[in-house]
Amino acid sequence: MPKLKSNRAAAKRFKATKTGRIKYKKAYLRHLNSSKSRARKRHLRKPAMLGKTETQQVHALLPYARHHS
């Protein structure tokens, strides 16, 4: 059986953890930052984890990301 292709857009945006959860970078930190509070920008720097439903969708796009079926 041929190898499956990963969705390249998803591969650049998401990373699977060892336990199969999906990590991503938060939005809203690219521009217009002077009007945002220091605390808000600090919280946006931290990576976030996807919820259960979105995790299933991303695992469909990334067939070789670690996941527990």
N, C-alpha and C. Protein backbone atom coordinates (compact mmCIF):
# COMPACT_ATOMS: atom_id res chain seq x y z
N MET A 1 0.85 -1.19 0.00
CA MET A 1 0.00 0.00 0.00
C MET A 1 0.89 1.25 0.00
N PRO A 2 0.56 2.25 -0.81
CA PRO A 2 1.42 3.43 -0.87
C PRO A 2 1.35 4.26 0.41
N LYS A 3 2.38 5.05 0.60
CA LYS A 3 2.40 5.94 1.76
C LYS A 3 1.34 7.01 1.61
N LEU A 4 0.78 7.43 2.74
CA LEU A 4 -0.22 8.50 2.73
C LEU A 4 0.47 9.84 2.76
N LYS A 5 -0.17 10.84 2.19
CA LYS A 5 0.39 12.19 2.21
C LYS A 5 -0.18 12.98 3.36
N SER A 6 0.69 13.73 4.03
CA SER A 6 0.23 14.64 5.07
C SER A 6 -0.23 15.93 4.41
N ASN A 7 -1.23 16.55 4.99
CA ASN A 7 -1.65 17.87 4.54
C ASN A 7 -0.56 18.86 4.96
N ARG A 8 0.10 19.51 4.01
CA ARG A 8 1.26 20.33 4.32
C ARG A 8 0.89 21.57 5.11
N ALA A 9 -0.28 22.14 4.86
CA ALA A 9 -0.71 23.31 5.62
C ALA A 9 -0.88 22.94 7.09
N ALA A 10 -1.48 21.79 7.37
CA ALA A 10 -1.66 21.34 8.75
C ALA A 10 -0.33 20.98 9.38
N ALA A 11 0.57 20.38 8.61
CA ALA A 11 1.86 19.95 9.15
C ALA A 11 2.69 21.15 9.62
N LYS A 12 2.51 22.29 8.98
CA LYS A 12 3.26 23.48 9.35
C LYS A 12 2.66 24.17 10.58
N ARG A 13 1.41 23.87 10.90
CA ARG A 13 0.72 24.59 11.98
C ARG A 13 0.55 23.79 13.26
N PHE A 14 0.59 22.46 13.15
CA PHE A 14 0.32 21.61 14.31
C PHE A 14 1.45 20.64 14.55
N LYS A 15 1.61 20.27 15.83
CA LYS A 15 2.61 19.27 16.20
C LYS A 15 1.96 18.32 17.20
N ALA A 16 2.19 17.03 17.02
CA ALA A 16 1.61 16.04 17.92
C ALA A 16 2.55 15.82 19.10
N THR A 17 1.97 15.71 20.30
CA THR A 17 2.76 15.38 21.47
C THR A 17 2.90 13.87 21.56
N LYS A 18 3.69 13.42 22.52
CA LYS A 18 3.93 11.98 22.65
C LYS A 18 2.65 11.22 22.99
N THR A 19 1.74 11.87 23.71
CA THR A 19 0.49 11.22 24.09
C THR A 19 -0.59 11.36 23.03
N GLY A 20 -0.31 12.07 21.93
CA GLY A 20 -1.25 12.17 20.83
C GLY A 20 -2.08 13.44 20.82
N ARG A 21 -1.85 14.33 21.79
CA ARG A 21 -2.56 15.60 21.77
C ARG A 21 -1.91 16.51 20.72
N ILE A 22 -2.66 17.52 20.26
CA ILE A 22 -2.17 18.39 19.20
C ILE A 22 -1.87 19.77 19.77
N LYS A 23 -0.63 20.22 19.54
CA LYS A 23 -0.17 21.51 20.04
C LYS A 23 -0.16 22.51 18.88
N TYR A 24 -0.51 23.77 19.18
CA TYR A 24 -0.50 24.80 18.14
C TYR A 24 -0.18 26.15 18.74
N LYS A 25 0.17 27.10 17.89
CA LYS A 25 0.47 28.46 18.34
C LYS A 25 -0.80 29.30 18.27
N LYS A 26 -0.99 30.13 19.28
CA LYS A 26 -2.18 30.97 19.33
C LYS A 26 -2.10 32.11 18.32
N ALA A 27 -3.25 32.61 17.92
CA ALA A 27 -3.34 33.70 16.96
C ALA A 27 -3.32 35.05 17.67
N TYR A 28 -3.36 36.13 16.90
CA TYR A 28 -3.48 37.51 17.38
C TYR A 28 -2.21 38.07 18.00
N LEU A 29 -1.06 37.61 17.55
CA LEU A 29 0.18 38.18 18.09
C LEU A 29 1.08 38.69 16.97
N ARG A 30 0.56 38.86 15.78
CA ARG A 30 1.38 39.23 14.63
C ARG A 30 1.54 40.74 14.44
N HIS A 31 0.48 41.49 14.63
CA HIS A 31 0.57 42.95 14.41
C HIS A 31 -0.45 43.65 15.28
N LEU A 32 -0.40 44.98 15.31
CA LEU A 32 -1.26 45.81 16.17
C LEU A 32 -1.08 45.42 17.64
N ASN A 33 0.16 45.19 18.04
CA ASN A 33 0.42 44.70 19.40
C ASN A 33 0.52 45.81 20.43
N SER A 34 0.71 47.04 19.99
CA SER A 34 0.88 48.12 20.97
C SER A 34 -0.40 48.38 21.76
N SER A 35 -1.55 48.02 21.19
CA SER A 35 -2.81 48.24 21.88
C SER A 35 -3.19 47.08 22.79
N LYS A 36 -2.43 45.99 22.75
CA LYS A 36 -2.72 44.82 23.58
C LYS A 36 -1.89 44.88 24.86
N SER A 37 -2.48 44.40 25.94
CA SER A 37 -1.79 44.47 27.24
C SER A 37 -0.60 43.51 27.25
N ARG A 38 0.33 43.77 28.13
CA ARG A 38 1.51 42.94 28.27
C ARG A 38 1.11 41.52 28.68
N ALA A 39 0.16 41.41 29.59
CA ALA A 39 -0.29 40.08 30.05
C ALA A 39 -0.94 39.31 28.91
N ARG A 40 -1.75 40.00 28.11
CA ARG A 40 -2.42 39.34 26.98
C ARG A 40 -1.40 38.80 26.00
N LYS A 41 -0.37 39.59 25.68
CA LYS A 41 0.65 39.14 24.74
C LYS A 41 1.46 37.99 25.33
N ARG A 42 1.70 38.03 26.63
CA ARG A 42 2.45 36.96 27.29
C ARG A 42 1.67 35.64 27.22
N HIS A 43 0.36 35.71 27.45
CA HIS A 43 -0.46 34.49 27.38
C HIS A 43 -0.55 33.97 25.95
N LEU A 44 -0.54 34.85 24.97
CA LEU A 44 -0.62 34.42 23.58
C LEU A 44 0.66 33.72 23.12
N ARG A 45 1.78 33.96 23.81
CA ARG A 45 3.03 33.30 23.44
C ARG A 45 3.04 31.82 23.77
N LYS A 46 2.26 31.42 24.74
CA LYS A 46 2.27 30.02 25.19
C LYS A 46 1.57 29.13 24.16
N PRO A 47 2.10 27.94 23.89
CA PRO A 47 1.39 27.04 22.99
C PRO A 47 0.11 26.54 23.62
N ALA A 48 -0.84 26.15 22.79
CA ALA A 48 -2.14 25.68 23.28
C ALA A 48 -2.40 24.27 22.74
N MET A 49 -3.35 23.59 23.34
CA MET A 49 -3.73 22.24 22.92
C MET A 49 -5.13 22.26 22.32
N LEU A 50 -5.31 21.49 21.27
CA LEU A 50 -6.62 21.39 20.64
C LEU A 50 -7.56 20.54 21.49
N GLY A 51 -8.86 20.79 21.32
CA GLY A 51 -9.87 19.98 21.97
C GLY A 51 -10.03 18.64 21.27
N LYS A 52 -10.92 17.82 21.80
CA LYS A 52 -11.07 16.45 21.30
C LYS A 52 -11.54 16.40 19.85
N THR A 53 -12.56 17.20 19.52
CA THR A 53 -13.12 17.16 18.16
C THR A 53 -12.11 17.64 17.13
N GLU A 54 -11.46 18.78 17.42
CA GLU A 54 -10.47 19.31 16.48
C GLU A 54 -9.27 18.38 16.36
N THR A 55 -8.93 17.68 17.45
CA THR A 55 -7.82 16.73 17.42
C THR A 55 -8.10 15.63 16.41
N GLN A 56 -9.31 15.11 16.39
CA GLN A 56 -9.67 14.06 15.43
C GLN A 56 -9.55 14.58 14.00
N GLN A 57 -9.95 15.82 13.77
CA GLN A 57 -9.88 16.39 12.42
C GLN A 57 -8.42 16.56 11.98
N VAL A 58 -7.56 17.01 12.89
CA VAL A 58 -6.15 17.20 12.53
C VAL A 58 -5.46 15.86 12.32
N HIS A 59 -5.82 14.85 13.10
CA HIS A 59 -5.22 13.52 12.90
C HIS A 59 -5.58 12.96 11.53
N ALA A 60 -6.74 13.33 11.01
CA ALA A 60 -7.11 12.90 9.66
C ALA A 60 -6.21 13.58 8.62
N LEU A 61 -5.78 14.81 8.90
CA LEU A 61 -4.91 15.54 7.97
C LEU A 61 -3.45 15.11 8.11
N LEU A 62 -3.07 14.61 9.29
CA LEU A 62 -1.69 14.19 9.55
C LEU A 62 -1.68 12.71 9.90
N PRO A 63 -1.67 11.84 8.90
CA PRO A 63 -1.82 10.41 9.17
C PRO A 63 -0.68 9.80 9.98
N TYR A 64 0.50 10.41 9.98
CA TYR A 64 1.63 9.83 10.70
C TYR A 64 1.92 10.53 12.01
N ALA A 65 1.08 11.46 12.41
CA ALA A 65 1.21 12.06 13.75
C ALA A 65 0.81 10.99 14.77
N ARG A 66 1.46 11.01 15.92
CA ARG A 66 1.14 10.01 16.93
C ARG A 66 -0.29 10.19 17.39
N HIS A 67 -1.05 9.11 17.38
CA HIS A 67 -2.39 9.16 17.94
C HIS A 67 -2.81 7.78 18.38
N HIS A 68 -3.68 7.80 19.37
CA HIS A 68 -4.18 6.55 19.95
C HIS A 68 -5.65 6.42 19.53
N SER A 69 -5.92 5.45 18.68
CA SER A 69 -7.28 5.30 18.15
C SER A 69 -8.22 4.68 19.15
